[in-house]
Amino acid sequence: MNHKTAFGCGLAALLVLGAGCFRNTVSTIELDIPALKSDVCAQAVRAGIEKLGLHPDDGAVYEVRFDLDAHKAWVVYDNVRLGRRNVEVAVRHAGFAVNDLPADEEARAKLPPECRGDE
């Protein structure tokens, strides 16, 4: 094998290996939040998530969307900087039960009645 062929094969191998280093770092998590019943509740959830760093260009959280009828939220986040559980724990600490986590009772007590389920 001559030097040009060996160089070409080596370069091709590096390009193939290098392509594997680039991966999608954006994930979306679906959150089931039974007490998500109003815009006030959605604002409280958003405030909890924003503590993780909400910014479309520079933060760990890129987007938060809500479906109040379905009691769900979707969070688009940087999965290198955050894990799924980080997002769930932020919602829990905002006072809401989320997915398999119970609400932080101290934070829940500070929520408006419609967000606690006390109405």
PDB file of N, CA and C in Angstrom:
ATOM      1  N   MET A   1       0.856  -1.159   0.000  1.00  0.00           N
ATOM      2  CA  MET A   1       0.000   0.000   0.000  1.00  0.00           C
ATOM      3  C   MET A   1       0.909   1.231   0.000  1.00  0.00           C
ATOM      4  N   ASN A   2       0.644   2.166  -0.918  1.00  0.00           N
ATOM      5  CA  ASN A   2       1.498   3.343  -0.962  1.00  0.00           C
ATOM      6  C   ASN A   2       1.051   4.363   0.093  1.00  0.00           C
ATOM      7  N   HIS A   3       1.849   5.396   0.267  1.00  0.00           N
ATOM      8  CA  HIS A   3       1.606   6.390   1.319  1.00  0.00           C
ATOM      9  C   HIS A   3       0.307   7.166   1.098  1.00  0.00           C
ATOM     10  N   LYS A   4      -0.040   7.471  -0.148  1.00  0.00           N
ATOM     11  CA  LYS A   4      -1.267   8.220  -0.428  1.00  0.00           C
ATOM     12  C   LYS A   4      -2.501   7.394  -0.081  1.00  0.00           C
ATOM     13  N   THR A   5      -2.470   6.114  -0.384  1.00  0.00           N
ATOM     14  CA  THR A   5      -3.599   5.244  -0.069  1.00  0.00           C
ATOM     15  C   THR A   5      -3.735   5.089   1.442  1.00  0.00           C
ATOM     16  N   ALA A   6      -2.625   4.888   2.112  1.00  0.00           N
ATOM     17  CA  ALA A   6      -2.651   4.745   3.572  1.00  0.00           C
ATOM     18  C   ALA A   6      -3.165   6.028   4.222  1.00  0.00           C
ATOM     19  N   PHE A   7      -2.704   7.168   3.720  1.00  0.00           N
ATOM     20  CA  PHE A   7      -3.172   8.449   4.258  1.00  0.00           C
ATOM     21  C   PHE A   7      -4.671   8.607   4.035  1.00  0.00           C
ATOM     22  N   GLY A   8      -5.140   8.251   2.831  1.00  0.00           N
ATOM     23  CA  GLY A   8      -6.570   8.349   2.513  1.00  0.00           C
ATOM     24  C   GLY A   8      -7.412   7.461   3.411  1.00  0.00           C
ATOM     25  N   CYS A   9      -6.960   6.240   3.641  1.00  0.00           N
ATOM     26  CA  CYS A   9      -7.681   5.317   4.524  1.00  0.00           C
ATOM     27  C   CYS A   9      -7.692   5.830   5.963  1.00  0.00           C
ATOM     28  N   GLY A  10      -6.562   6.342   6.401  1.00  0.00           N
ATOM     29  CA  GLY A  10      -6.473   6.893   7.760  1.00  0.00           C
ATOM     30  C   GLY A  10      -7.377   8.093   7.931  1.00  0.00           C
ATOM     31  N   LEU A  11      -7.392   8.975   6.936  1.00  0.00           N
ATOM     32  CA  LEU A  11      -8.251  10.156   6.985  1.00  0.00           C
ATOM     33  C   LEU A  11      -9.716   9.752   7.001  1.00  0.00           C
ATOM     34  N   ALA A  12     -10.082   8.790   6.175  1.00  0.00           N
ATOM     35  CA  ALA A  12     -11.465   8.314   6.142  1.00  0.00           C
ATOM     36  C   ALA A  12     -11.865   7.726   7.496  1.00  0.00           C
ATOM     37  N   ALA A  13     -10.972   6.963   8.103  1.00  0.00           N
ATOM     38  CA  ALA A  13     -11.260   6.371   9.410  1.00  0.00           C
ATOM     39  C   ALA A  13     -11.450   7.448  10.468  1.00  0.00           C
ATOM     40  N   LEU A  14     -10.621   8.476  10.443  1.00  0.00           N
ATOM     41  CA  LEU A  14     -10.756   9.580  11.399  1.00  0.00           C
ATOM     42  C   LEU A  14     -12.071  10.316  11.218  1.00  0.00           C
ATOM     43  N   LEU A  15     -12.482  10.524   9.984  1.00  0.00           N
ATOM     44  CA  LEU A  15     -13.748  11.212   9.727  1.00  0.00           C
ATOM     45  C   LEU A  15     -14.930  10.394  10.231  1.00  0.00           C
ATOM     46  N   VAL A  16     -14.882   9.092  10.017  1.00  0.00           N
ATOM     47  CA  VAL A  16     -15.954   8.220  10.496  1.00  0.00           C
ATOM     48  C   VAL A  16     -16.002   8.222  12.015  1.00  0.00           C
ATOM     49  N   LEU A  17     -14.859   8.099  12.667  1.00  0.00           N
ATOM     50  CA  LEU A  17     -14.813   8.119  14.131  1.00  0.00           C
ATOM     51  C   LEU A  17     -15.223   9.469  14.682  1.00  0.00           C
ATOM     52  N   GLY A  18     -14.784  10.535  14.038  1.00  0.00           N
ATOM     53  CA  GLY A  18     -15.122  11.881  14.482  1.00  0.00           C
ATOM     54  C   GLY A  18     -16.596  12.173  14.373  1.00  0.00           C
ATOM     55  N   ALA A  19     -17.245  11.615  13.367  1.00  0.00           N
ATOM     56  CA  ALA A  19     -18.682  11.844  13.197  1.00  0.00           C
ATOM     57  C   ALA A  19     -19.463  11.288  14.379  1.00  0.00           C
ATOM     58  N   GLY A  20     -18.964  10.239  14.987  1.00  0.00           N
ATOM     59  CA  GLY A  20     -19.633   9.672  16.152  1.00  0.00           C
ATOM     60  C   GLY A  20     -19.531  10.542  17.387  1.00  0.00           C
ATOM     61  N   CYS A  21     -18.616  11.482  17.413  1.00  0.00           N
ATOM     62  CA  CYS A  21     -18.447  12.361  18.564  1.00  0.00           C
ATOM     63  C   CYS A  21     -19.516  13.439  18.620  1.00  0.00           C
ATOM     64  N   PHE A  22     -20.118  13.728  17.493  1.00  0.00           N
ATOM     65  CA  PHE A  22     -21.161  14.748  17.453  1.00  0.00           C
ATOM     66  C   PHE A  22     -22.494  14.065  17.657  1.00  0.00           C
ATOM     67  N   ARG A  23     -23.132  14.379  18.769  1.00  0.00           N
ATOM     68  CA  ARG A  23     -24.429  13.772  19.043  1.00  0.00           C
ATOM     69  C   ARG A  23     -25.413  14.857  19.431  1.00  0.00           C
ATOM     70  N   ASN A  24     -26.655  14.517  19.348  1.00  0.00           N
ATOM     71  CA  ASN A  24     -27.699  15.458  19.714  1.00  0.00           C
ATOM     72  C   ASN A  24     -27.674  15.650  21.230  1.00  0.00           C
ATOM     73  N   THR A  25     -27.556  16.874  21.680  1.00  0.00           N
ATOM     74  CA  THR A  25     -27.507  17.157  23.112  1.00  0.00           C
ATOM     75  C   THR A  25     -28.806  17.771  23.601  1.00  0.00           C
ATOM     76  N   VAL A  26     -29.840  17.749  22.783  1.00  0.00           N
ATOM     77  CA  VAL A  26     -31.127  18.322  23.155  1.00  0.00           C
ATOM     78  C   VAL A  26     -32.121  17.189  23.360  1.00  0.00           C
ATOM     79  N   SER A  27     -32.782  17.193  24.515  1.00  0.00           N
ATOM     80  CA  SER A  27     -33.802  16.196  24.819  1.00  0.00           C
ATOM     81  C   SER A  27     -35.080  16.898  25.235  1.00  0.00           C
ATOM     82  N   THR A  28     -36.176  16.167  25.144  1.00  0.00           N
ATOM     83  CA  THR A  28     -37.467  16.663  25.621  1.00  0.00           C
ATOM     84  C   THR A  28     -38.002  15.670  26.630  1.00  0.00           C
ATOM     85  N   ILE A  29     -38.451  16.174  27.762  1.00  0.00           N
ATOM     86  CA  ILE A  29     -39.072  15.324  28.781  1.00  0.00           C
ATOM     87  C   ILE A  29     -40.537  15.726  28.891  1.00  0.00           C
ATOM     88  N   GLU A  30     -41.400  14.720  28.984  1.00  0.00           N
ATOM     89  CA  GLU A  30     -42.823  14.952  29.222  1.00  0.00           C
ATOM     90  C   GLU A  30     -43.072  14.788  30.712  1.00  0.00           C
ATOM     91  N   LEU A  31     -43.725  15.780  31.291  1.00  0.00           N
ATOM     92  CA  LEU A  31     -44.001  15.774  32.725  1.00  0.00           C
ATOM     93  C   LEU A  31     -45.500  15.626  32.958  1.00  0.00           C
ATOM     94  N   ASP A  32     -45.882  14.658  33.743  1.00  0.00           N
ATOM     95  CA  ASP A  32     -47.274  14.483  34.150  1.00  0.00           C
ATOM     96  C   ASP A  32     -47.416  15.178  35.499  1.00  0.00           C
ATOM     97  N   ILE A  33     -48.201  16.275  35.526  1.00  0.00           N
ATOM     98  CA  ILE A  33     -48.347  17.097  36.729  1.00  0.00           C
ATOM     99  C   ILE A  33     -49.835  17.197  37.037  1.00  0.00           C
ATOM    100  N   PRO A  34     -50.375  16.325  37.884  1.00  0.00           N
ATOM    101  CA  PRO A  34     -51.824  16.292  38.129  1.00  0.00           C
ATOM    102  C   PRO A  34     -52.421  17.626  38.570  1.00  0.00           C
ATOM    103  N   ALA A  35     -51.694  18.443  39.323  1.00  0.00           N
ATOM    104  CA  ALA A  35     -52.227  19.714  39.826  1.00  0.00           C
ATOM    105  C   ALA A  35     -52.063  20.868  38.835  1.00  0.00           C
ATOM    106  N   LEU A  36     -51.617  20.594  37.637  1.00  0.00           N
ATOM    107  CA  LEU A  36     -51.433  21.636  36.614  1.00  0.00           C
ATOM    108  C   LEU A  36     -52.800  21.940  36.008  1.00  0.00           C
ATOM    109  N   LYS A  37     -53.509  22.907  36.626  1.00  0.00           N
ATOM    110  CA  LYS A  37     -54.899  23.161  36.251  1.00  0.00           C
ATOM    111  C   LYS A  37     -55.159  24.565  35.742  1.00  0.00           C
ATOM    112  N   SER A  38     -54.191  25.476  35.889  1.00  0.00           N
ATOM    113  CA  SER A  38     -54.436  26.864  35.491  1.00  0.00           C
ATOM    114  C   SER A  38     -53.128  27.525  35.066  1.00  0.00           C
ATOM    115  N   ASP A  39     -53.274  28.730  34.522  1.00  0.00           N
ATOM    116  CA  ASP A  39     -52.081  29.492  34.145  1.00  0.00           C
ATOM    117  C   ASP A  39     -51.242  29.839  35.367  1.00  0.00           C
ATOM    118  N   VAL A  40     -51.887  30.042  36.498  1.00  0.00           N
ATOM    119  CA  VAL A  40     -51.157  30.341  37.732  1.00  0.00           C
ATOM    120  C   VAL A  40     -50.261  29.158  38.107  1.00  0.00           C
ATOM    121  N   CYS A  41     -50.787  27.958  37.979  1.00  0.00           N
ATOM    122  CA  CYS A  41     -50.007  26.753  38.271  1.00  0.00           C
ATOM    123  C   CYS A  41     -48.864  26.607  37.268  1.00  0.00           C
ATOM    124  N   ALA A  42     -49.161  26.878  35.996  1.00  0.00           N
ATOM    125  CA  ALA A  42     -48.126  26.779  34.962  1.00  0.00           C
ATOM    126  C   ALA A  42     -47.001  27.774  35.235  1.00  0.00           C
ATOM    127  N   GLN A  43     -47.348  28.963  35.688  1.00  0.00           N
ATOM    128  CA  GLN A  43     -46.323  29.963  36.008  1.00  0.00           C
ATOM    129  C   GLN A  43     -45.448  29.492  37.162  1.00  0.00           C
ATOM    130  N   ALA A  44     -46.056  28.836  38.149  1.00  0.00           N
ATOM    131  CA  ALA A  44     -45.280  28.324  39.282  1.00  0.00           C
ATOM    132  C   ALA A  44     -44.341  27.199  38.837  1.00  0.00           C
ATOM    133  N   VAL A  45     -44.827  26.327  37.956  1.00  0.00           N
ATOM    134  CA  VAL A  45     -43.975  25.254  37.421  1.00  0.00           C
ATOM    135  C   VAL A  45     -42.827  25.870  36.618  1.00  0.00           C
ATOM    136  N   ARG A  46     -43.167  26.836  35.754  1.00  0.00           N
ATOM    137  CA  ARG A  46     -42.143  27.495  34.931  1.00  0.00           C
ATOM    138  C   ARG A  46     -41.076  28.150  35.815  1.00  0.00           C
ATOM    139  N   ALA A  47     -41.505  28.804  36.886  1.00  0.00           N
ATOM    140  CA  ALA A  47     -40.557  29.467  37.790  1.00  0.00           C
ATOM    141  C   ALA A  47     -39.594  28.454  38.408  1.00  0.00           C
ATOM    142  N   GLY A  48     -40.102  27.279  38.757  1.00  0.00           N
ATOM    143  CA  GLY A  48     -39.236  26.236  39.308  1.00  0.00           C
ATOM    144  C   GLY A  48     -38.227  25.735  38.288  1.00  0.00           C
ATOM    145  N   ILE A  49     -38.693  25.557  37.058  1.00  0.00           N
ATOM    146  CA  ILE A  49     -37.809  25.076  35.997  1.00  0.00           C
ATOM    147  C   ILE A  49     -36.797  26.140  35.608  1.00  0.00           C
ATOM    148  N   GLU A  50     -37.201  27.404  35.616  1.00  0.00           N
ATOM    149  CA  GLU A  50     -36.291  28.492  35.239  1.00  0.00           C
ATOM    150  C   GLU A  50     -35.085  28.583  36.165  1.00  0.00           C
ATOM    151  N   LYS A  51     -35.211  28.074  37.356  1.00  0.00           N
ATOM    152  CA  LYS A  51     -34.070  28.073  38.275  1.00  0.00           C
ATOM    153  C   LYS A  51     -32.925  27.203  37.756  1.00  0.00           C
ATOM    154  N   LEU A  52     -33.240  26.313  36.822  1.00  0.00           N
ATOM    155  CA  LEU A  52     -32.207  25.467  36.215  1.00  0.00           C
ATOM    156  C   LEU A  52     -31.428  26.212  35.134  1.00  0.00           C
ATOM    157  N   GLY A  53     -31.931  27.363  34.714  1.00  0.00           N
ATOM    158  CA  GLY A  53     -31.247  28.149  33.691  1.00  0.00           C
ATOM    159  C   GLY A  53     -32.002  28.168  32.382  1.00  0.00           C
ATOM    160  N   LEU A  54     -33.064  28.954  32.302  1.00  0.00           N
ATOM    161  CA  LEU A  54     -33.873  29.042  31.090  1.00  0.00           C
ATOM    162  C   LEU A  54     -33.325  30.132  30.186  1.00  0.00           C
ATOM    163  N   HIS A  55     -32.840  29.735  29.040  1.00  0.00           N
ATOM    164  CA  HIS A  55     -32.363  30.700  28.043  1.00  0.00           C
ATOM    165  C   HIS A  55     -32.208  29.938  26.734  1.00  0.00           C
ATOM    166  N   PRO A  56     -32.817  30.412  25.661  1.00  0.00           N
ATOM    167  CA  PRO A  56     -32.775  29.652  24.411  1.00  0.00           C
ATOM    168  C   PRO A  56     -31.376  29.472  23.820  1.00  0.00           C
ATOM    169  N   ASP A  57     -30.433  30.356  24.128  1.00  0.00           N
ATOM    170  CA  ASP A  57     -29.106  30.261  23.530  1.00  0.00           C
ATOM    171  C   ASP A  57     -28.034  29.792  24.503  1.00  0.00           C
ATOM    172  N   ASP A  58     -28.183  30.103  25.788  1.00  0.00           N
ATOM    173  CA  ASP A  58     -27.081  29.921  26.722  1.00  0.00           C
ATOM    174  C   ASP A  58     -27.429  29.059  27.927  1.00  0.00           C
ATOM    175  N   GLY A  59     -28.700  28.795  28.162  1.00  0.00           N
ATOM    176  CA  GLY A  59     -29.081  28.089  29.372  1.00  0.00           C
ATOM    177  C   GLY A  59     -29.189  26.596  29.175  1.00  0.00           C
ATOM    178  N   ALA A  60     -29.533  25.905  30.239  1.00  0.00           N
ATOM    179  CA  ALA A  60     -29.689  24.459  30.195  1.00  0.00           C
ATOM    180  C   ALA A  60     -31.095  24.071  29.729  1.00  0.00           C
ATOM    181  N   VAL A  61     -32.064  24.986  29.884  1.00  0.00           N
ATOM    182  CA  VAL A  61     -33.445  24.741  29.468  1.00  0.00           C
ATOM    183  C   VAL A  61     -33.762  25.669  28.306  1.00  0.00           C
ATOM    184  N   TYR A  62     -34.231  25.080  27.212  1.00  0.00           N
ATOM    185  CA  TYR A  62     -34.498  25.868  26.011  1.00  0.00           C
ATOM    186  C   TYR A  62     -35.960  26.285  25.876  1.00  0.00           C
ATOM    187  N   GLU A  63     -36.876  25.426  26.335  1.00  0.00           N
ATOM    188  CA  GLU A  63     -38.298  25.700  26.122  1.00  0.00           C
ATOM    189  C   GLU A  63     -39.125  24.935  27.139  1.00  0.00           C
ATOM    190  N   VAL A  64     -40.255  25.540  27.553  1.00  0.00           N
ATOM    191  CA  VAL A  64     -41.221  24.880  28.421  1.00  0.00           C
ATOM    192  C   VAL A  64     -42.601  25.107  27.804  1.00  0.00           C
ATOM    193  N   ARG A  65     -43.336  24.017  27.564  1.00  0.00           N
ATOM    194  CA  ARG A  65     -44.684  24.110  26.999  1.00  0.00           C
ATOM    195  C   ARG A  65     -45.658  23.396  27.934  1.00  0.00           C
ATOM    196  N   PHE A  66     -46.912  23.871  27.935  1.00  0.00           N
ATOM    197  CA  PHE A  66     -47.927  23.313  28.823  1.00  0.00           C
ATOM    198  C   PHE A  66     -49.180  22.924  28.050  1.00  0.00           C
ATOM    199  N   ASP A  67     -49.858  21.879  28.537  1.00  0.00           N
ATOM    200  CA  ASP A  67     -51.203  21.523  28.107  1.00  0.00           C
ATOM    201  C   ASP A  67     -51.998  21.366  29.395  1.00  0.00           C
ATOM    202  N   LEU A  68     -52.730  22.430  29.751  1.00  0.00           N
ATOM    203  CA  LEU A  68     -53.455  22.430  31.023  1.00  0.00           C
ATOM    204  C   LEU A  68     -54.563  21.382  31.040  1.00  0.00           C
ATOM    205  N   ASP A  69     -55.215  21.141  29.902  1.00  0.00           N
ATOM    206  CA  ASP A  69     -56.287  20.140  29.857  1.00  0.00           C
ATOM    207  C   ASP A  69     -55.763  18.734  30.144  1.00  0.00           C
ATOM    208  N   ALA A  70     -54.565  18.454  29.677  1.00  0.00           N
ATOM    209  CA  ALA A  70     -53.966  17.131  29.882  1.00  0.00           C
ATOM    210  C   ALA A  70     -53.115  17.061  31.154  1.00  0.00           C
ATOM    211  N   HIS A  71     -52.917  18.212  31.824  1.00  0.00           N
ATOM    212  CA  HIS A  71     -52.087  18.300  33.035  1.00  0.00           C
ATOM    213  C   HIS A  71     -50.653  17.846  32.738  1.00  0.00           C
ATOM    214  N   LYS A  72     -50.129  18.326  31.618  1.00  0.00           N
ATOM    215  CA  LYS A  72     -48.782  17.936  31.189  1.00  0.00           C
ATOM    216  C   LYS A  72     -47.955  19.160  30.821  1.00  0.00           C
ATOM    217  N   ALA A  73     -46.644  18.968  30.926  1.00  0.00           N
ATOM    218  CA  ALA A  73     -45.680  19.971  30.468  1.00  0.00           C
ATOM    219  C   ALA A  73     -44.588  19.243  29.716  1.00  0.00           C
ATOM    220  N   TRP A  74     -43.975  19.947  28.782  1.00  0.00           N
ATOM    221  CA  TRP A  74     -42.834  19.414  28.051  1.00  0.00           C
ATOM    222  C   TRP A  74     -41.693  20.401  28.201  1.00  0.00           C
ATOM    223  N   VAL A  75     -40.541  19.875  28.531  1.00  0.00           N
ATOM    224  CA  VAL A  75     -39.357  20.706  28.725  1.00  0.00           C
ATOM    225  C   VAL A  75     -38.290  20.239  27.745  1.00  0.00           C
ATOM    226  N   VAL A  76     -37.790  21.191  26.957  1.00  0.00           N
ATOM    227  CA  VAL A  76     -36.697  20.927  26.027  1.00  0.00           C
ATOM    228  C   VAL A  76     -35.439  21.435  26.716  1.00  0.00           C
ATOM    229  N   TYR A  77     -34.442  20.565  26.881  1.00  0.00           N
ATOM    230  CA  TYR A  77     -33.276  20.904  27.691  1.00  0.00           C
ATOM    231  C   TYR A  77     -31.991  20.318  27.103  1.00  0.00           C
ATOM    232  N   ASP A  78     -30.877  20.831  27.593  1.00  0.00           N
ATOM    233  CA  ASP A  78     -29.547  20.364  27.204  1.00  0.00           C
ATOM    234  C   ASP A  78     -29.207  19.156  28.069  1.00  0.00           C
ATOM    235  N   ASN A  79     -29.173  17.970  27.465  1.00  0.00           N
ATOM    236  CA  ASN A  79     -28.968  16.752  28.241  1.00  0.00           C
ATOM    237  C   ASN A  79     -27.517  16.519  28.659  1.00  0.00           C
ATOM    238  N   VAL A  80     -26.616  17.401  28.244  1.00  0.00           N
ATOM    239  CA  VAL A  80     -25.244  17.346  28.738  1.00  0.00           C
ATOM    240  C   VAL A  80     -25.160  18.082  30.072  1.00  0.00           C
ATOM    241  N   ARG A  81     -25.925  19.153  30.201  1.00  0.00           N
ATOM    242  CA  ARG A  81     -25.895  19.977  31.410  1.00  0.00           C
ATOM    243  C   ARG A  81     -26.901  19.527  32.464  1.00  0.00           C
ATOM    244  N   LEU A  82     -27.972  18.859  32.045  1.00  0.00           N
ATOM    245  CA  LEU A  82     -29.024  18.422  32.964  1.00  0.00           C
ATOM    246  C   LEU A  82     -29.426  16.990  32.653  1.00  0.00           C
ATOM    247  N   GLY A  83     -29.918  16.311  33.665  1.00  0.00           N
ATOM    248  CA  GLY A  83     -30.530  15.008  33.473  1.00  0.00           C
ATOM    249  C   GLY A  83     -32.034  15.141  33.619  1.00  0.00           C
ATOM    250  N   ARG A  84     -32.752  14.134  33.184  1.00  0.00           N
ATOM    251  CA  ARG A  84     -34.219  14.140  33.297  1.00  0.00           C
ATOM    252  C   ARG A  84     -34.646  14.372  34.744  1.00  0.00           C
ATOM    253  N   ARG A  85     -33.956  13.715  35.658  1.00  0.00           N
ATOM    254  CA  ARG A  85     -34.338  13.814  37.063  1.00  0.00           C
ATOM    255  C   ARG A  85     -34.146  15.239  37.593  1.00  0.00           C
ATOM    256  N   ASN A  86     -33.158  15.984  37.081  1.00  0.00           N
ATOM    257  CA  ASN A  86     -32.979  17.379  37.504  1.00  0.00           C
ATOM    258  C   ASN A  86     -34.243  18.190  37.227  1.00  0.00           C
ATOM    259  N   VAL A  87     -34.826  17.969  36.058  1.00  0.00           N
ATOM    260  CA  VAL A  87     -36.034  18.702  35.668  1.00  0.00           C
ATOM    261  C   VAL A  87     -37.189  18.296  36.576  1.00  0.00           C
ATOM    262  N   GLU A  88     -37.357  17.001  36.797  1.00  0.00           N
ATOM    263  CA  GLU A  88     -38.439  16.526  37.664  1.00  0.00           C
ATOM    264  C   GLU A  88     -38.286  17.058  39.092  1.00  0.00           C
ATOM    265  N   VAL A  89     -37.083  17.055  39.617  1.00  0.00           N
ATOM    266  CA  VAL A  89     -36.846  17.535  40.984  1.00  0.00           C
ATOM    267  C   VAL A  89     -37.127  19.035  41.087  1.00  0.00           C
ATOM    268  N   ALA A  90     -36.824  19.800  40.047  1.00  0.00           N
ATOM    269  CA  ALA A  90     -37.122  21.239  40.057  1.00  0.00           C
ATOM    270  C   ALA A  90     -38.626  21.465  40.162  1.00  0.00           C
ATOM    271  N   VAL A  91     -39.415  20.658  39.455  1.00  0.00           N
ATOM    272  CA  VAL A  91     -40.882  20.778  39.528  1.00  0.00           C
ATOM    273  C   VAL A  91     -41.362  20.333  40.905  1.00  0.00           C
ATOM    274  N   ARG A  92     -40.785  19.282  41.435  1.00  0.00           N
ATOM    275  CA  ARG A  92     -41.140  18.809  42.784  1.00  0.00           C
ATOM    276  C   ARG A  92     -40.888  19.908  43.813  1.00  0.00           C
ATOM    277  N   HIS A  93     -39.727  20.563  43.713  1.00  0.00           N
ATOM    278  CA  HIS A  93     -39.390  21.618  44.663  1.00  0.00           C
ATOM    279  C   HIS A  93     -40.226  22.881  44.464  1.00  0.00           C
ATOM    280  N   ALA A  94     -40.918  22.978  43.324  1.00  0.00           N
ATOM    281  CA  ALA A  94     -41.860  24.079  43.112  1.00  0.00           C
ATOM    282  C   ALA A  94     -43.194  23.780  43.793  1.00  0.00           C
ATOM    283  N   GLY A  95     -43.365  22.558  44.316  1.00  0.00           N
ATOM    284  CA  GLY A  95     -44.567  22.208  45.072  1.00  0.00           C
ATOM    285  C   GLY A  95     -45.522  21.267  44.361  1.00  0.00           C
ATOM    286  N   PHE A  96     -45.100  20.664  43.262  1.00  0.00           N
ATOM    287  CA  PHE A  96     -45.984  19.824  42.463  1.00  0.00           C
ATOM    288  C   PHE A  96     -45.500  18.380  42.428  1.00  0.00           C
ATOM    289  N   ALA A  97     -46.441  17.452  42.513  1.00  0.00           N
ATOM    290  CA  ALA A  97     -46.126  16.056  42.236  1.00  0.00           C
ATOM    291  C   ALA A  97     -45.884  15.962  40.735  1.00  0.00           C
ATOM    292  N   VAL A  98     -44.878  15.203  40.347  1.00  0.00           N
ATOM    293  CA  VAL A  98     -44.517  15.099  38.931  1.00  0.00           C
ATOM    294  C   VAL A  98     -44.025  13.693  38.648  1.00  0.00           C
ATOM    295  N   ASN A  99     -44.580  13.095  37.590  1.00  0.00           N
ATOM    296  CA  ASN A  99     -44.235  11.731  37.205  1.00  0.00           C
ATOM    297  C   ASN A  99     -44.287  10.830  38.437  1.00  0.00           C
ATOM    298  N   ASP A 100     -43.192  10.269  38.894  1.00  0.00           N
ATOM    299  CA  ASP A 100     -43.231   9.363  40.056  1.00  0.00           C
ATOM    300  C   ASP A 100     -42.779  10.030  41.354  1.00  0.00           C
ATOM    301  N   LEU A 101     -42.584  11.351  41.338  1.00  0.00           N
ATOM    302  CA  LEU A 101     -42.115  12.064  42.532  1.00  0.00           C
ATOM    303  C   LEU A 101     -43.262  12.783  43.234  1.00  0.00           C
ATOM    304  N   PRO A 102     -43.347  12.668  44.548  1.00  0.00           N
ATOM    305  CA  PRO A 102     -44.360  13.439  45.280  1.00  0.00           C
ATOM    306  C   PRO A 102     -43.931  14.901  45.384  1.00  0.00           C
ATOM    307  N   ALA A 103     -44.897  15.763  45.632  1.00  0.00           N
ATOM    308  CA  ALA A 103     -44.605  17.187  45.801  1.00  0.00           C
ATOM    309  C   ALA A 103     -43.825  17.420  47.084  1.00  0.00           C
ATOM    310  N   ASP A 104     -42.984  18.435  47.073  1.00  0.00           N
ATOM    311  CA  ASP A 104     -42.348  18.916  48.296  1.00  0.00           C
ATOM    312  C   ASP A 104     -43.463  19.600  49.090  1.00  0.00           C
ATOM    313  N   GLU A 105     -43.799  19.061  50.237  1.00  0.00           N
ATOM    314  CA  GLU A 105     -44.974  19.539  50.991  1.00  0.00           C
ATOM    315  C   GLU A 105     -44.832  20.981  51.467  1.00  0.00           C
ATOM    316  N   GLU A 106     -43.657  21.382  51.834  1.00  0.00           N
ATOM    317  CA  GLU A 106     -43.453  22.762  52.275  1.00  0.00           C
ATOM    318  C   GLU A 106     -43.708  23.735  51.122  1.00  0.00           C
ATOM    319  N   ALA A 107     -43.206  23.431  49.954  1.00  0.00           N
ATOM    320  CA  ALA A 107     -43.432  24.280  48.774  1.00  0.00           C
ATOM    321  C   ALA A 107     -44.887  24.202  48.339  1.00  0.00           C
ATOM    322  N   ARG A 108     -45.499  23.031  48.419  1.00  0.00           N
ATOM    323  CA  ARG A 108     -46.899  22.857  48.035  1.00  0.00           C
ATOM    324  C   ARG A 108     -47.816  23.724  48.896  1.00  0.00           C
ATOM    325  N   ALA A 109     -47.517  23.822  50.171  1.00  0.00           N
ATOM    326  CA  ALA A 109     -48.346  24.610  51.086  1.00  0.00           C
ATOM    327  C   ALA A 109     -48.355  26.094  50.720  1.00  0.00           C
ATOM    328  N   LYS A 110     -47.342  26.554  50.013  1.00  0.00           N
ATOM    329  CA  LYS A 110     -47.249  27.967  49.629  1.00  0.00           C
ATOM    330  C   LYS A 110     -47.948  28.277  48.303  1.00  0.00           C
ATOM    331  N   LEU A 111     -48.396  27.243  47.597  1.00  0.00           N
ATOM    332  CA  LEU A 111     -49.055  27.440  46.305  1.00  0.00           C
ATOM    333  C   LEU A 111     -50.499  27.928  46.487  1.00  0.00           C
ATOM    334  N   PRO A 112     -51.055  28.575  45.476  1.00  0.00           N
ATOM    335  CA  PRO A 112     -52.488  28.935  45.520  1.00  0.00           C
ATOM    336  C   PRO A 112     -53.335  27.669  45.639  1.00  0.00           C
ATOM    337  N   PRO A 113     -54.529  27.778  46.226  1.00  0.00           N
ATOM    338  CA  PRO A 113     -55.360  26.589  46.447  1.00  0.00           C
ATOM    339  C   PRO A 113     -55.617  25.750  45.192  1.00  0.00           C
ATOM    340  N   GLU A 114     -55.832  26.390  44.034  1.00  0.00           N
ATOM    341  CA  GLU A 114     -56.126  25.599  42.832  1.00  0.00           C
ATOM    342  C   GLU A 114     -54.932  24.767  42.366  1.00  0.00           C
ATOM    343  N   CYS A 115     -53.737  25.123  42.809  1.00  0.00           N
ATOM    344  CA  CYS A 115     -52.532  24.359  42.434  1.00  0.00           C
ATOM    345  C   CYS A 115     -52.220  23.269  43.446  1.00  0.00           C
ATOM    346  N   ARG A 116     -52.830  23.353  44.611  1.00  0.00           N
ATOM    347  CA  ARG A 116     -52.627  22.330  45.643  1.00  0.00           C
ATOM    348  C   ARG A 116     -53.672  21.230  45.557  1.00  0.00           C
ATOM    349  N   GLY A 117     -54.774  21.521  44.861  1.00  0.00           N
ATOM    350  CA  GLY A 117     -55.882  20.569  44.820  1.00  0.00           C
ATOM    351  C   GLY A 117     -56.819  20.760  46.005  1.00  0.00           C
ATOM    352  N   ASP A 118     -56.717  21.912  46.690  1.00  0.00           N
ATOM    353  CA  ASP A 118     -57.538  22.169  47.879  1.00  0.00           C
ATOM    354  C   ASP A 118     -58.861  22.882  47.562  1.00  0.00           C
ATOM    355  N   GLU A 119     -59.055  23.313  46.305  1.00  0.00           N
ATOM    356  CA  GLU A 119     -60.232  24.134  46.003  1.00  0.00           C
ATOM    357  C   GLU A 119     -61.527  23.398  46.175  1.00  0.00           C
TER     358      GLU A 119
END
